[in-house]
Amino acid sequence: MNDDKVRQLLGNWALLNTELSALTIDDLKMLINYECSTKSRHTFIERLHQRYGKLVNAEERQQLFNGGLL
């Protein structure tokens, strides 16, 4: 994800929520870190982290279902 896309997503709450489901774990990490180091808006950080947690949990759960360990 390039810097323009990061600024675009973090500059528009409606756009962020529209595109949130298409973001990867790495995209979300980048957006969270960018938001924390710039404007640090709690609502944006919370929303991004909620989605990040959901994806990480799903990935870990699938790993467990496939016989893996954490």
N, C-alpha and C. Protein backbone atom coordinates (compact mmCIF):
# COMPACT_ATOMS: atom_id res chain seq x y z
N MET A 1 0.87 -1.18 0.00
CA MET A 1 0.00 0.00 0.00
C MET A 1 0.91 1.23 0.00
N ASN A 2 0.63 2.16 -0.89
CA ASN A 2 1.47 3.36 -0.98
C ASN A 2 0.98 4.46 -0.03
N ASP A 3 1.80 5.48 0.13
CA ASP A 3 1.50 6.56 1.07
C ASP A 3 0.23 7.31 0.72
N ASP A 4 -0.04 7.49 -0.58
CA ASP A 4 -1.26 8.19 -0.99
C ASP A 4 -2.50 7.42 -0.55
N LYS A 5 -2.46 6.11 -0.70
CA LYS A 5 -3.60 5.27 -0.30
C LYS A 5 -3.79 5.32 1.22
N VAL A 6 -2.69 5.30 1.96
CA VAL A 6 -2.76 5.39 3.43
C VAL A 6 -3.43 6.69 3.83
N ARG A 7 -2.96 7.80 3.27
CA ARG A 7 -3.54 9.10 3.61
C ARG A 7 -5.00 9.20 3.19
N GLN A 8 -5.32 8.62 2.05
CA GLN A 8 -6.70 8.63 1.56
C GLN A 8 -7.62 7.87 2.51
N LEU A 9 -7.22 6.68 2.93
CA LEU A 9 -8.05 5.87 3.83
C LEU A 9 -8.19 6.52 5.20
N LEU A 10 -7.09 7.08 5.71
CA LEU A 10 -7.14 7.67 7.04
C LEU A 10 -7.69 9.10 7.03
N GLY A 11 -7.97 9.61 5.85
CA GLY A 11 -8.54 10.95 5.75
C GLY A 11 -10.05 10.94 5.59
N ASN A 12 -10.63 9.75 5.44
CA ASN A 12 -12.05 9.67 5.17
C ASN A 12 -12.64 8.45 5.89
N TRP A 13 -13.37 8.69 6.95
CA TRP A 13 -13.94 7.61 7.77
C TRP A 13 -14.83 6.69 6.96
N ALA A 14 -15.67 7.24 6.11
CA ALA A 14 -16.60 6.44 5.31
C ALA A 14 -15.83 5.54 4.34
N LEU A 15 -14.81 6.07 3.69
CA LEU A 15 -14.00 5.28 2.77
C LEU A 15 -13.27 4.17 3.52
N LEU A 16 -12.73 4.49 4.68
CA LEU A 16 -12.04 3.48 5.49
C LEU A 16 -12.97 2.32 5.80
N ASN A 17 -14.16 2.61 6.26
CA ASN A 17 -15.10 1.56 6.60
C ASN A 17 -15.55 0.75 5.38
N THR A 18 -15.61 1.39 4.23
CA THR A 18 -15.99 0.70 3.00
C THR A 18 -14.90 -0.29 2.57
N GLU A 19 -13.65 0.10 2.72
CA GLU A 19 -12.55 -0.71 2.22
C GLU A 19 -11.89 -1.58 3.28
N LEU A 20 -12.34 -1.48 4.51
CA LEU A 20 -11.72 -2.19 5.63
C LEU A 20 -11.69 -3.70 5.43
N SER A 21 -12.75 -4.26 4.88
CA SER A 21 -12.82 -5.72 4.73
C SER A 21 -11.83 -6.26 3.69
N ALA A 22 -11.30 -5.42 2.83
CA ALA A 22 -10.36 -5.86 1.80
C ALA A 22 -8.90 -5.74 2.24
N LEU A 23 -8.66 -5.17 3.42
CA LEU A 23 -7.29 -4.95 3.87
C LEU A 23 -6.69 -6.22 4.47
N THR A 24 -5.40 -6.38 4.28
CA THR A 24 -4.69 -7.53 4.84
C THR A 24 -4.17 -7.18 6.23
N ILE A 25 -3.67 -8.18 6.91
CA ILE A 25 -3.07 -7.95 8.24
C ILE A 25 -1.92 -6.96 8.13
N ASP A 26 -1.08 -7.11 7.11
CA ASP A 26 0.04 -6.18 6.94
C ASP A 26 -0.43 -4.76 6.63
N ASP A 27 -1.49 -4.63 5.82
CA ASP A 27 -2.06 -3.30 5.55
C ASP A 27 -2.55 -2.66 6.85
N LEU A 28 -3.23 -3.45 7.65
CA LEU A 28 -3.77 -2.93 8.91
C LEU A 28 -2.66 -2.52 9.87
N LYS A 29 -1.60 -3.31 9.95
CA LYS A 29 -0.46 -2.94 10.79
C LYS A 29 0.10 -1.59 10.35
N MET A 30 0.25 -1.43 9.04
CA MET A 30 0.79 -0.18 8.50
C MET A 30 -0.11 1.00 8.85
N LEU A 31 -1.42 0.83 8.67
CA LEU A 31 -2.37 1.90 8.96
C LEU A 31 -2.39 2.23 10.46
N ILE A 32 -2.37 1.22 11.29
CA ILE A 32 -2.38 1.44 12.74
C ILE A 32 -1.12 2.20 13.15
N ASN A 33 0.02 1.74 12.69
CA ASN A 33 1.28 2.41 13.05
C ASN A 33 1.34 3.84 12.54
N TYR A 34 0.85 4.06 11.33
CA TYR A 34 0.82 5.41 10.76
C TYR A 34 -0.08 6.32 11.58
N GLU A 35 -1.26 5.81 11.90
CA GLU A 35 -2.21 6.62 12.68
C GLU A 35 -1.65 6.92 14.07
N CYS A 36 -1.02 5.93 14.70
CA CYS A 36 -0.44 6.15 16.04
C CYS A 36 0.70 7.17 16.01
N SER A 37 1.45 7.20 14.93
CA SER A 37 2.60 8.11 14.86
C SER A 37 2.24 9.48 14.31
N THR A 38 1.02 9.66 13.83
CA THR A 38 0.63 10.98 13.31
C THR A 38 -0.48 11.58 14.16
N LYS A 39 -1.70 11.43 13.74
CA LYS A 39 -2.82 12.09 14.41
C LYS A 39 -3.27 11.40 15.68
N SER A 40 -3.05 10.11 15.77
CA SER A 40 -3.38 9.32 16.97
C SER A 40 -4.85 9.48 17.39
N ARG A 41 -5.75 9.37 16.42
CA ARG A 41 -7.18 9.46 16.72
C ARG A 41 -7.66 8.11 17.23
N HIS A 42 -8.20 8.12 18.42
CA HIS A 42 -8.59 6.88 19.09
C HIS A 42 -9.65 6.11 18.31
N THR A 43 -10.59 6.80 17.69
CA THR A 43 -11.64 6.09 16.95
C THR A 43 -11.07 5.34 15.76
N PHE A 44 -10.12 5.95 15.05
CA PHE A 44 -9.50 5.29 13.91
C PHE A 44 -8.66 4.10 14.37
N ILE A 45 -7.87 4.31 15.41
CA ILE A 45 -7.02 3.23 15.93
C ILE A 45 -7.88 2.07 16.41
N GLU A 46 -8.93 2.37 17.13
CA GLU A 46 -9.81 1.32 17.65
C GLU A 46 -10.44 0.52 16.52
N ARG A 47 -10.94 1.18 15.50
CA ARG A 47 -11.60 0.49 14.40
C ARG A 47 -10.62 -0.38 13.63
N LEU A 48 -9.45 0.16 13.34
CA LEU A 48 -8.42 -0.61 12.65
C LEU A 48 -7.98 -1.82 13.48
N HIS A 49 -7.81 -1.61 14.77
CA HIS A 49 -7.37 -2.70 15.64
C HIS A 49 -8.44 -3.77 15.79
N GLN A 50 -9.71 -3.39 15.78
CA GLN A 50 -10.79 -4.37 15.83
C GLN A 50 -10.71 -5.30 14.62
N ARG A 51 -10.51 -4.73 13.45
CA ARG A 51 -10.42 -5.53 12.23
C ARG A 51 -9.16 -6.39 12.25
N TYR A 52 -8.05 -5.82 12.69
CA TYR A 52 -6.80 -6.55 12.80
C TYR A 52 -6.98 -7.77 13.71
N GLY A 53 -7.59 -7.57 14.87
CA GLY A 53 -7.82 -8.65 15.82
C GLY A 53 -8.68 -9.75 15.23
N LYS A 54 -9.69 -9.36 14.48
CA LYS A 54 -10.58 -10.34 13.86
C LYS A 54 -9.82 -11.21 12.86
N LEU A 55 -8.96 -10.60 12.05
CA LEU A 55 -8.20 -11.36 11.07
C LEU A 55 -7.16 -12.26 11.73
N VAL A 56 -6.48 -11.76 12.75
CA VAL A 56 -5.47 -12.56 13.45
C VAL A 56 -6.14 -13.74 14.14
N ASN A 57 -7.27 -13.51 14.78
CA ASN A 57 -7.98 -14.61 15.44
C ASN A 57 -8.42 -15.67 14.45
N ALA A 58 -8.94 -15.26 13.30
CA ALA A 58 -9.38 -16.21 12.28
C ALA A 58 -8.20 -17.03 11.75
N GLU A 59 -7.07 -16.36 11.55
CA GLU A 59 -5.88 -17.05 11.06
C GLU A 59 -5.37 -18.07 12.09
N GLU A 60 -5.32 -17.67 13.35
CA GLU A 60 -4.88 -18.58 14.41
C GLU A 60 -5.84 -19.76 14.57
N ARG A 61 -7.13 -19.48 14.49
CA ARG A 61 -8.14 -20.53 14.64
C ARG A 61 -7.99 -21.56 13.52
N GLN A 62 -7.78 -21.09 12.30
CA GLN A 62 -7.60 -22.00 11.17
C GLN A 62 -6.35 -22.86 11.36
N GLN A 63 -5.31 -22.24 11.88
CA GLN A 63 -4.07 -22.98 12.18
C GLN A 63 -4.33 -24.08 13.19
N LEU A 64 -5.10 -23.79 14.22
CA LEU A 64 -5.43 -24.79 15.23
C LEU A 64 -6.29 -25.91 14.65
N PHE A 65 -7.26 -25.55 13.82
CA PHE A 65 -8.12 -26.55 13.19
C PHE A 65 -7.34 -27.49 12.28
N ASN A 66 -6.24 -27.00 11.74
CA ASN A 66 -5.40 -27.79 10.84
C ASN A 66 -4.33 -28.59 11.60
N GLY A 67 -4.47 -28.65 12.93
CA GLY A 67 -3.55 -29.45 13.73
C GLY A 67 -2.32 -28.73 14.21
N GLY A 68 -2.25 -27.44 13.95
CA GLY A 68 -1.09 -26.67 14.36
C GLY A 68 -1.18 -26.20 15.80
N LEU A 69 -0.15 -25.55 16.24
CA LEU A 69 -0.09 -24.97 17.58
C LEU A 69 0.09 -23.47 17.45
N LEU A 70 -0.17 -22.77 18.52
CA LEU A 70 0.03 -21.32 18.50
C LEU A 70 1.49 -20.96 18.60
